[in-house]
Amino acid sequence: MEKRVQEMLHNIIEGKTYDEALIQAYFSPDYVQVVDGKQLDFKAFKQHIKKLKELIERVAVEVCSTAVRDQVVFTKHQVESVLRDGTYHKHLVMAEFTFQDGKIIRCEELTFLLEGSASGKDLGSKV
């Protein structure tokens, strides 16, 4: 599961284009994401990924640490993004991914803006 989360972060978050089939390969259709108190269902999550692909020129994810217990993978990772408008943002992300039947069914996430403008604060939940 740990490897699966790292693959997902690389393929979906760092990937240059929106790929619905790839999202469906990693995430359950019952997926729910809670980011900084904002809840996204699977449809809203897909809209969020589409929005990120529109806004971000390039992104890099560095997984700092992970922990695994039962069907849960916890990550602490940093995300560096350069938006199409040239602005740079760096976030620290704490995320708890829950798996069911081999797919991610839930993510509870706290995202903290380390560097960049206030406009990038909500990149983790922007739809």
N, C-alpha and C. Protein backbone atom coordinates (compact mmCIF):
# COMPACT_ATOMS: atom_id res chain seq x y z
N MET A 1 0.83 -1.21 0.00
CA MET A 1 0.00 0.00 0.00
C MET A 1 0.87 1.26 0.00
N GLU A 2 1.96 1.21 0.75
CA GLU A 2 2.85 2.37 0.80
C GLU A 2 3.38 2.71 -0.60
N LYS A 3 3.80 1.68 -1.31
CA LYS A 3 4.29 1.87 -2.68
C LYS A 3 3.19 2.41 -3.58
N ARG A 4 1.99 1.92 -3.37
CA ARG A 4 0.84 2.36 -4.18
C ARG A 4 0.57 3.85 -3.99
N VAL A 5 0.66 4.33 -2.76
CA VAL A 5 0.46 5.76 -2.48
C VAL A 5 1.56 6.57 -3.16
N GLN A 6 2.79 6.12 -3.06
CA GLN A 6 3.88 6.85 -3.70
C GLN A 6 3.73 6.87 -5.22
N GLU A 7 3.29 5.76 -5.80
CA GLU A 7 3.03 5.72 -7.23
C GLU A 7 1.92 6.69 -7.61
N MET A 8 0.85 6.71 -6.81
CA MET A 8 -0.27 7.61 -7.08
C MET A 8 0.19 9.07 -7.04
N LEU A 9 0.97 9.44 -6.03
CA LEU A 9 1.45 10.82 -5.93
C LEU A 9 2.28 11.18 -7.17
N HIS A 10 3.10 10.25 -7.61
CA HIS A 10 3.92 10.50 -8.80
C HIS A 10 3.06 10.57 -10.06
N ASN A 11 2.22 9.57 -10.27
CA ASN A 11 1.46 9.47 -11.52
C ASN A 11 0.33 10.49 -11.64
N ILE A 12 -0.37 10.76 -10.56
CA ILE A 12 -1.53 11.65 -10.64
C ILE A 12 -1.17 13.09 -10.28
N ILE A 13 -0.50 13.30 -9.17
CA ILE A 13 -0.19 14.67 -8.74
C ILE A 13 0.93 15.27 -9.60
N GLU A 14 2.00 14.53 -9.81
CA GLU A 14 3.10 15.05 -10.62
C GLU A 14 2.84 14.91 -12.12
N GLY A 15 1.89 14.08 -12.51
CA GLY A 15 1.60 13.88 -13.93
C GLY A 15 1.18 15.18 -14.60
N LYS A 16 1.55 15.33 -15.86
CA LYS A 16 1.30 16.58 -16.59
C LYS A 16 -0.16 16.74 -17.03
N THR A 17 -0.87 15.63 -17.23
CA THR A 17 -2.23 15.73 -17.77
C THR A 17 -3.23 15.01 -16.87
N TYR A 18 -4.48 15.37 -17.03
CA TYR A 18 -5.58 14.72 -16.32
C TYR A 18 -5.86 13.39 -17.02
N ASP A 19 -5.90 12.31 -16.24
CA ASP A 19 -6.13 10.97 -16.79
C ASP A 19 -7.18 10.26 -15.93
N GLU A 20 -8.41 10.27 -16.40
CA GLU A 20 -9.53 9.69 -15.66
C GLU A 20 -9.31 8.20 -15.37
N ALA A 21 -8.80 7.46 -16.35
CA ALA A 21 -8.58 6.02 -16.15
C ALA A 21 -7.54 5.78 -15.06
N LEU A 22 -6.53 6.60 -15.01
CA LEU A 22 -5.50 6.47 -13.98
C LEU A 22 -6.08 6.77 -12.60
N ILE A 23 -6.91 7.79 -12.51
CA ILE A 23 -7.56 8.11 -11.24
C ILE A 23 -8.42 6.93 -10.79
N GLN A 24 -9.17 6.35 -11.70
CA GLN A 24 -10.03 5.22 -11.35
C GLN A 24 -9.22 3.98 -10.96
N ALA A 25 -7.99 3.89 -11.44
CA ALA A 25 -7.13 2.76 -11.08
C ALA A 25 -6.68 2.85 -9.62
N TYR A 26 -6.55 4.05 -9.10
CA TYR A 26 -6.07 4.24 -7.73
C TYR A 26 -7.18 4.47 -6.71
N PHE A 27 -8.29 5.07 -7.13
CA PHE A 27 -9.31 5.53 -6.19
C PHE A 27 -10.64 4.81 -6.38
N SER A 28 -11.28 4.51 -5.27
CA SER A 28 -12.61 3.92 -5.26
C SER A 28 -13.63 4.95 -5.75
N PRO A 29 -14.70 4.50 -6.42
CA PRO A 29 -15.77 5.45 -6.78
C PRO A 29 -16.47 6.03 -5.55
N ASP A 30 -16.25 5.43 -4.38
CA ASP A 30 -16.82 5.94 -3.12
C ASP A 30 -15.83 6.83 -2.37
N TYR A 31 -14.77 7.22 -3.04
CA TYR A 31 -13.70 8.02 -2.42
C TYR A 31 -14.21 9.33 -1.84
N VAL A 32 -13.70 9.66 -0.66
CA VAL A 32 -13.97 10.95 0.00
C VAL A 32 -12.63 11.50 0.47
N GLN A 33 -12.43 12.79 0.21
CA GLN A 33 -11.22 13.46 0.68
C GLN A 33 -11.62 14.64 1.55
N VAL A 34 -11.00 14.74 2.71
CA VAL A 34 -11.22 15.87 3.61
C VAL A 34 -9.89 16.60 3.72
N VAL A 35 -9.85 17.83 3.20
CA VAL A 35 -8.64 18.64 3.18
C VAL A 35 -8.89 19.91 3.98
N ASP A 36 -8.16 20.07 5.07
CA ASP A 36 -8.28 21.27 5.90
C ASP A 36 -9.75 21.55 6.24
N GLY A 37 -10.51 20.48 6.50
CA GLY A 37 -11.90 20.62 6.88
C GLY A 37 -12.88 20.68 5.73
N LYS A 38 -12.40 20.76 4.49
CA LYS A 38 -13.27 20.81 3.31
C LYS A 38 -13.41 19.41 2.73
N GLN A 39 -14.65 18.94 2.55
CA GLN A 39 -14.89 17.58 2.06
C GLN A 39 -15.18 17.56 0.57
N LEU A 40 -14.49 16.66 -0.13
CA LEU A 40 -14.71 16.45 -1.56
C LEU A 40 -15.13 15.00 -1.78
N ASP A 41 -16.23 14.80 -2.50
CA ASP A 41 -16.58 13.44 -2.91
C ASP A 41 -15.78 13.10 -4.17
N PHE A 42 -15.98 11.92 -4.73
CA PHE A 42 -15.17 11.46 -5.86
C PHE A 42 -15.30 12.41 -7.05
N LYS A 43 -16.51 12.86 -7.34
CA LYS A 43 -16.72 13.78 -8.47
C LYS A 43 -15.98 15.09 -8.23
N ALA A 44 -16.10 15.65 -7.04
CA ALA A 44 -15.41 16.90 -6.72
C ALA A 44 -13.89 16.71 -6.71
N PHE A 45 -13.43 15.54 -6.26
CA PHE A 45 -12.00 15.25 -6.27
C PHE A 45 -11.47 15.26 -7.70
N LYS A 46 -12.20 14.65 -8.63
CA LYS A 46 -11.77 14.64 -10.03
C LYS A 46 -11.74 16.06 -10.58
N GLN A 47 -12.72 16.89 -10.20
CA GLN A 47 -12.71 18.30 -10.61
C GLN A 47 -11.49 19.02 -10.04
N HIS A 48 -11.15 18.67 -8.80
CA HIS A 48 -9.97 19.25 -8.15
C HIS A 48 -8.70 18.91 -8.94
N ILE A 49 -8.54 17.66 -9.34
CA ILE A 49 -7.36 17.26 -10.10
C ILE A 49 -7.34 17.99 -11.45
N LYS A 50 -8.48 18.10 -12.12
CA LYS A 50 -8.55 18.83 -13.39
C LYS A 50 -8.11 20.28 -13.18
N LYS A 51 -8.59 20.89 -12.11
CA LYS A 51 -8.25 22.29 -11.81
C LYS A 51 -6.75 22.44 -11.58
N LEU A 52 -6.15 21.51 -10.84
CA LEU A 52 -4.71 21.56 -10.61
C LEU A 52 -3.94 21.50 -11.93
N LYS A 53 -4.38 20.65 -12.85
CA LYS A 53 -3.70 20.52 -14.14
C LYS A 53 -3.82 21.81 -14.94
N GLU A 54 -4.93 22.55 -14.77
CA GLU A 54 -5.10 23.84 -15.44
C GLU A 54 -4.18 24.91 -14.84
N LEU A 55 -4.01 24.88 -13.53
CA LEU A 55 -3.29 25.94 -12.82
C LEU A 55 -1.78 25.74 -12.75
N ILE A 56 -1.34 24.49 -12.68
CA ILE A 56 0.06 24.21 -12.35
C ILE A 56 0.88 23.88 -13.60
N GLU A 57 1.99 24.57 -13.73
CA GLU A 57 2.94 24.32 -14.81
C GLU A 57 3.78 23.08 -14.51
N ARG A 58 4.31 23.02 -13.28
CA ARG A 58 5.08 21.84 -12.86
C ARG A 58 4.97 21.67 -11.36
N VAL A 59 5.06 20.42 -10.94
CA VAL A 59 4.90 20.08 -9.52
C VAL A 59 5.83 18.92 -9.18
N ALA A 60 6.37 18.97 -7.97
CA ALA A 60 7.22 17.88 -7.48
C ALA A 60 6.78 17.52 -6.08
N VAL A 61 6.68 16.23 -5.83
CA VAL A 61 6.28 15.72 -4.52
C VAL A 61 7.47 14.96 -3.92
N GLU A 62 7.81 15.30 -2.69
CA GLU A 62 8.85 14.58 -1.97
C GLU A 62 8.24 13.97 -0.71
N VAL A 63 8.20 12.66 -0.66
CA VAL A 63 7.68 11.97 0.52
C VAL A 63 8.79 11.95 1.56
N CYS A 64 8.53 12.57 2.71
CA CYS A 64 9.52 12.67 3.79
C CYS A 64 9.47 11.45 4.70
N SER A 65 8.25 10.99 4.99
CA SER A 65 8.10 9.81 5.85
C SER A 65 6.73 9.17 5.61
N THR A 66 6.66 7.89 5.97
CA THR A 66 5.40 7.15 5.85
C THR A 66 5.26 6.23 7.06
N ALA A 67 4.03 5.87 7.33
CA ALA A 67 3.72 4.87 8.34
C ALA A 67 2.53 4.07 7.83
N VAL A 68 2.56 2.78 8.09
CA VAL A 68 1.49 1.90 7.62
C VAL A 68 0.95 1.11 8.80
N ARG A 69 -0.38 1.04 8.87
CA ARG A 69 -1.03 0.22 9.89
C ARG A 69 -2.36 -0.26 9.32
N ASP A 70 -2.55 -1.56 9.35
CA ASP A 70 -3.77 -2.18 8.80
C ASP A 70 -3.97 -1.68 7.36
N GLN A 71 -5.08 -1.02 7.09
CA GLN A 71 -5.41 -0.55 5.74
C GLN A 71 -5.16 0.96 5.57
N VAL A 72 -4.26 1.51 6.39
CA VAL A 72 -4.02 2.95 6.38
C VAL A 72 -2.54 3.23 6.10
N VAL A 73 -2.31 4.19 5.20
CA VAL A 73 -0.96 4.70 4.94
C VAL A 73 -0.97 6.18 5.27
N PHE A 74 -0.04 6.58 6.15
CA PHE A 74 0.11 7.98 6.53
C PHE A 74 1.37 8.50 5.85
N THR A 75 1.28 9.68 5.26
CA THR A 75 2.46 10.29 4.68
C THR A 75 2.65 11.70 5.19
N LYS A 76 3.89 12.08 5.30
CA LYS A 76 4.29 13.47 5.47
C LYS A 76 5.07 13.78 4.21
N HIS A 77 4.56 14.70 3.40
CA HIS A 77 5.26 15.01 2.16
C HIS A 77 5.22 16.51 1.86
N GLN A 78 6.18 16.93 1.04
CA GLN A 78 6.24 18.31 0.60
C GLN A 78 5.91 18.37 -0.87
N VAL A 79 5.17 19.41 -1.23
CA VAL A 79 4.78 19.60 -2.62
C VAL A 79 5.26 20.99 -3.05
N GLU A 80 6.08 21.01 -4.09
CA GLU A 80 6.54 22.27 -4.67
C GLU A 80 5.86 22.45 -6.01
N SER A 81 5.21 23.61 -6.18
CA SER A 81 4.45 23.88 -7.39
C SER A 81 4.85 25.22 -7.99
N VAL A 82 4.94 25.24 -9.31
CA VAL A 82 5.07 26.49 -10.04
C VAL A 82 3.81 26.60 -10.89
N LEU A 83 3.03 27.64 -10.63
CA LEU A 83 1.79 27.83 -11.37
C LEU A 83 2.08 28.43 -12.75
N ARG A 84 1.10 28.36 -13.62
CA ARG A 84 1.26 28.89 -14.98
C ARG A 84 1.49 30.40 -14.96
N ASP A 85 1.08 31.08 -13.89
CA ASP A 85 1.34 32.52 -13.78
C ASP A 85 2.75 32.82 -13.24
N GLY A 86 3.55 31.76 -13.01
CA GLY A 86 4.92 31.92 -12.56
C GLY A 86 5.13 31.91 -11.06
N THR A 87 4.05 31.91 -10.28
CA THR A 87 4.21 31.92 -8.83
C THR A 87 4.62 30.55 -8.31
N TYR A 88 5.39 30.57 -7.23
CA TYR A 88 5.93 29.36 -6.61
C TYR A 88 5.25 29.16 -5.26
N HIS A 89 4.91 27.90 -4.98
CA HIS A 89 4.32 27.54 -3.69
C HIS A 89 4.95 26.24 -3.19
N LYS A 90 5.14 26.18 -1.89
CA LYS A 90 5.65 24.96 -1.26
C LYS A 90 4.73 24.65 -0.09
N HIS A 91 4.20 23.43 -0.07
CA HIS A 91 3.29 22.98 0.97
C HIS A 91 3.86 21.79 1.72
N LEU A 92 3.57 21.73 2.99
CA LEU A 92 3.81 20.54 3.81
C LEU A 92 2.46 19.87 3.96
N VAL A 93 2.41 18.59 3.66
CA VAL A 93 1.14 17.86 3.66
C VAL A 93 1.25 16.65 4.59
N MET A 94 0.27 16.52 5.47
CA MET A 94 0.11 15.33 6.30
C MET A 94 -1.16 14.66 5.80
N ALA A 95 -1.04 13.42 5.33
CA ALA A 95 -2.19 12.76 4.71
C ALA A 95 -2.32 11.33 5.23
N GLU A 96 -3.56 10.96 5.50
CA GLU A 96 -3.89 9.60 5.93
C GLU A 96 -4.78 8.97 4.87
N PHE A 97 -4.23 7.99 4.16
CA PHE A 97 -4.95 7.31 3.09
C PHE A 97 -5.48 5.98 3.60
N THR A 98 -6.78 5.76 3.42
CA THR A 98 -7.41 4.50 3.82
C THR A 98 -7.73 3.69 2.57
N PHE A 99 -7.36 2.43 2.60
CA PHE A 99 -7.59 1.52 1.47
C PHE A 99 -8.75 0.58 1.74
N GLN A 100 -9.45 0.23 0.67
CA GLN A 100 -10.48 -0.80 0.72
C GLN A 100 -10.45 -1.49 -0.64
N ASP A 101 -10.36 -2.80 -0.63
CA ASP A 101 -10.31 -3.59 -1.86
C ASP A 101 -9.22 -3.10 -2.82
N GLY A 102 -8.07 -2.72 -2.27
CA GLY A 102 -6.92 -2.34 -3.09
C GLY A 102 -6.92 -0.92 -3.62
N LYS A 103 -7.97 -0.17 -3.30
CA LYS A 103 -8.05 1.20 -3.79
C LYS A 103 -8.19 2.17 -2.61
N ILE A 104 -7.81 3.40 -2.86
CA ILE A 104 -7.93 4.44 -1.83
C ILE A 104 -9.39 4.86 -1.75
N ILE A 105 -9.97 4.75 -0.57
CA ILE A 105 -11.38 5.09 -0.38
C ILE A 105 -11.55 6.39 0.40
N ARG A 106 -10.49 6.80 1.13
CA ARG A 106 -10.60 8.02 1.93
C ARG A 106 -9.22 8.62 2.14
N CYS A 107 -9.18 9.94 2.18
CA CYS A 107 -7.95 10.65 2.53
C CYS A 107 -8.34 11.81 3.45
N GLU A 108 -7.69 11.86 4.59
CA GLU A 108 -7.82 13.01 5.49
C GLU A 108 -6.48 13.72 5.46
N GLU A 109 -6.52 15.01 5.14
CA GLU A 109 -5.29 15.72 4.82
C GLU A 109 -5.27 17.10 5.47
N LEU A 110 -4.10 17.45 5.97
CA LEU A 110 -3.82 18.81 6.43
C LEU A 110 -2.71 19.35 5.54
N THR A 111 -2.93 20.52 4.99
CA THR A 111 -1.99 21.13 4.07
C THR A 111 -1.58 22.49 4.62
N PHE A 112 -0.26 22.69 4.73
CA PHE A 112 0.27 23.92 5.31
C PHE A 112 1.16 24.60 4.29
N LEU A 113 0.86 25.86 3.98
CA LEU A 113 1.65 26.64 3.03
C LEU A 113 2.95 27.08 3.70
N LEU A 114 4.08 26.57 3.21
CA LEU A 114 5.40 26.93 3.75
C LEU A 114 5.97 28.16 3.05
N GLU A 115 5.78 28.23 1.73
CA GLU A 115 6.29 29.34 0.93
C GLU A 115 5.27 29.65 -0.16
N GLY A 116 5.20 30.92 -0.52
CA GLY A 116 4.31 31.33 -1.60
C GLY A 116 3.26 32.29 -1.10
N SER A 117 2.46 32.77 -2.03
CA SER A 117 1.43 33.76 -1.70
C SER A 117 0.20 33.10 -1.09
N ALA A 118 -0.59 33.91 -0.42
CA ALA A 118 -1.82 33.42 0.21
C ALA A 118 -2.77 32.80 -0.82
N SER A 119 -2.66 33.20 -2.08
CA SER A 119 -3.54 32.64 -3.12
C SER A 119 -3.31 31.15 -3.31
N GLY A 120 -2.16 30.64 -2.87
CA GLY A 120 -1.87 29.22 -3.02
C GLY A 120 -2.23 28.40 -1.81
N LYS A 121 -2.79 29.05 -0.79
CA LYS A 121 -3.09 28.34 0.44
C LYS A 121 -4.05 27.18 0.25
N ASP A 122 -5.04 27.36 -0.64
CA ASP A 122 -6.08 26.35 -0.82
C ASP A 122 -5.85 25.42 -2.03
N LEU A 123 -4.61 25.32 -2.51
CA LEU A 123 -4.35 24.45 -3.66
C LEU A 123 -4.71 23.00 -3.37
N GLY A 124 -4.69 22.60 -2.10
CA GLY A 124 -5.01 21.23 -1.73
C GLY A 124 -6.48 20.86 -1.87
N SER A 125 -7.34 21.88 -2.02
CA SER A 125 -8.79 21.60 -2.11
C SER A 125 -9.49 22.40 -3.21
N LYS A 126 -8.75 23.15 -3.98
CA LYS A 126 -9.34 24.01 -5.02
C LYS A 126 -10.07 23.17 -6.06
N VAL A 127 -11.30 23.57 -6.37
CA VAL A 127 -12.11 22.87 -7.36
C VAL A 127 -12.40 23.81 -8.52
